[in-house]
Amino acid sequence: MQITRFHPGPRYSQTVVHGDTIYLCGQSAEDEATNVTDQTRIVLERIDKLLAEQGSSKSKLLQVQVWLADMKDYDAMNAVWDAWVDPNNTPGRATLAASMPHNGLLVEVIVIAAK
């Protein structure tokens, strides 16, 4: 099966498509001066855009990993997530705490979706 990479950079591609499966690299907010609510909203908007480029959408999410700098932000992140996710097509999801590469980065989301 063919592998196609979109928006490639020196370390990773934003999107990799293999067959009918879409893999997004970890999405984070570029403006790290905001709170976790704003960062989550920005991340989910980026995911919507990248999936749409491949003819997909959040209703076709298969698996999601949410990484938080601090688990105290779990409820605030979930408030944004719950308003965004397709309630009839929720993906498998894990939420974990992680040391982030930049101090202001509060949330990063990794997505696998179907076309």
Protein backbone atom coordinates (compact mmCIF):
# COMPACT_ATOMS: atom_id res chain seq x y z
CA MET A 1 0.00 0.00 0.00
CA GLN A 2 1.14 3.51 -0.76
CA ILE A 3 2.24 5.89 1.99
CA THR A 4 1.73 9.60 1.31
CA ARG A 5 3.10 12.37 3.51
CA PHE A 6 1.60 15.86 3.68
CA HIS A 7 3.17 19.04 5.07
CA PRO A 8 6.54 17.30 5.61
CA GLY A 9 9.19 18.92 7.72
CA PRO A 10 12.71 17.98 8.76
CA ARG A 11 11.53 15.90 11.76
CA TYR A 12 7.96 14.84 10.93
CA SER A 13 5.04 15.23 8.55
CA GLN A 14 1.81 16.83 9.76
CA THR A 15 -0.22 14.08 8.09
CA VAL A 16 0.63 10.58 6.86
CA VAL A 17 -1.90 8.56 4.87
CA HIS A 18 -1.56 4.80 4.48
CA GLY A 19 -4.40 3.21 2.57
CA ASP A 20 -7.60 4.53 4.12
CA THR A 21 -5.99 5.48 7.43
CA ILE A 22 -4.90 9.01 8.35
CA TYR A 23 -2.25 9.63 10.99
CA LEU A 24 -1.80 13.15 12.35
CA CYS A 25 1.32 14.15 14.23
CA GLY A 26 0.87 15.65 17.65
CA GLN A 27 -1.11 18.87 17.30
CA SER A 28 -0.46 21.72 19.68
CA ALA A 29 -1.29 25.41 19.86
CA GLU A 30 1.20 27.82 18.37
CA ASP A 31 0.22 30.48 20.92
CA GLU A 32 1.46 29.06 24.19
CA ALA A 33 0.47 32.20 26.10
CA THR A 34 -3.15 31.02 26.35
CA ASN A 35 -4.85 28.70 28.84
CA VAL A 36 -5.68 25.02 28.29
CA THR A 37 -9.23 25.83 27.13
CA ASP A 38 -7.97 28.10 24.34
CA GLN A 39 -5.13 25.74 23.43
CA THR A 40 -7.52 22.78 23.21
CA ARG A 41 -9.88 24.76 20.98
CA ILE A 42 -6.98 25.71 18.67
CA VAL A 43 -5.75 22.10 18.53
CA LEU A 44 -9.19 20.74 17.64
CA GLU A 45 -9.60 23.37 14.91
CA ARG A 46 -6.25 22.27 13.45
CA ILE A 47 -7.36 18.63 13.56
CA ASP A 48 -10.58 19.54 11.74
CA LYS A 49 -8.58 21.31 9.02
CA LEU A 50 -6.04 18.50 8.54
CA LEU A 51 -8.74 15.82 8.41
CA ALA A 52 -10.78 17.88 5.92
CA GLU A 53 -7.71 18.10 3.65
CA GLN A 54 -7.89 14.30 3.41
CA GLY A 55 -11.66 14.17 2.90
CA SER A 56 -12.29 13.04 6.46
CA SER A 57 -13.75 14.50 9.64
CA LYS A 58 -13.97 14.05 13.39
CA SER A 59 -16.81 11.55 12.86
CA LYS A 60 -14.19 9.16 11.49
CA LEU A 61 -11.76 9.31 14.42
CA LEU A 62 -10.43 5.89 15.37
CA GLN A 63 -8.00 6.65 18.18
CA VAL A 64 -6.93 9.79 20.02
CA GLN A 65 -4.15 10.42 22.53
CA VAL A 66 -4.42 13.59 24.61
CA TRP A 67 -1.29 14.71 26.40
CA LEU A 68 -1.61 17.29 29.18
CA ALA A 69 1.20 19.16 30.91
CA ASP A 70 -0.80 18.93 34.12
CA MET A 71 -3.75 16.64 34.90
CA LYS A 72 -5.38 19.51 36.82
CA ASP A 73 -6.42 20.73 33.34
CA TYR A 74 -8.32 17.48 32.58
CA ASP A 75 -11.81 18.90 33.22
CA ALA A 76 -11.17 22.13 31.29
CA MET A 77 -9.79 20.20 28.32
CA ASN A 78 -12.76 17.79 28.44
CA ALA A 79 -15.26 20.67 28.41
CA VAL A 80 -13.88 21.76 25.03
CA TRP A 81 -13.53 18.15 23.82
CA ASP A 82 -17.12 17.27 24.76
CA ALA A 83 -18.49 20.25 22.83
CA TRP A 84 -16.41 19.26 19.77
CA VAL A 85 -16.44 15.46 19.49
CA ASP A 86 -19.17 13.74 17.47
CA PRO A 87 -21.23 12.10 20.25
CA ASN A 88 -22.40 9.34 17.89
CA ASN A 89 -18.85 8.46 16.81
CA THR A 90 -16.53 8.80 19.78
CA PRO A 91 -13.05 7.34 19.26
CA GLY A 92 -10.91 5.22 21.52
CA ARG A 93 -9.06 7.78 23.65
CA ALA A 94 -6.34 7.97 26.25
CA THR A 95 -5.39 11.04 28.27
CA LEU A 96 -1.97 11.20 29.85
CA ALA A 97 0.25 13.68 31.65
CA ALA A 98 3.56 14.45 29.99
CA SER A 99 6.55 16.72 30.25
CA MET A 100 6.09 19.15 27.37
CA PRO A 101 8.96 20.47 25.24
CA HIS A 102 7.99 24.11 25.92
CA ASN A 103 6.85 25.57 29.26
CA GLY A 104 3.73 27.23 27.84
CA LEU A 105 2.53 24.14 25.97
CA LEU A 106 -0.41 22.69 27.93
CA VAL A 107 -2.04 20.15 25.57
CA GLU A 108 -1.04 18.05 22.57
CA VAL A 109 -3.36 15.69 20.67
CA ILE A 110 -2.42 12.78 18.41
CA VAL A 111 -5.06 11.42 16.03
CA ILE A 112 -5.64 8.35 13.87
CA ALA A 113 -8.72 8.52 11.62
CA ALA A 114 -10.32 6.72 8.70
CA LYS A 115 -10.76 8.38 5.32
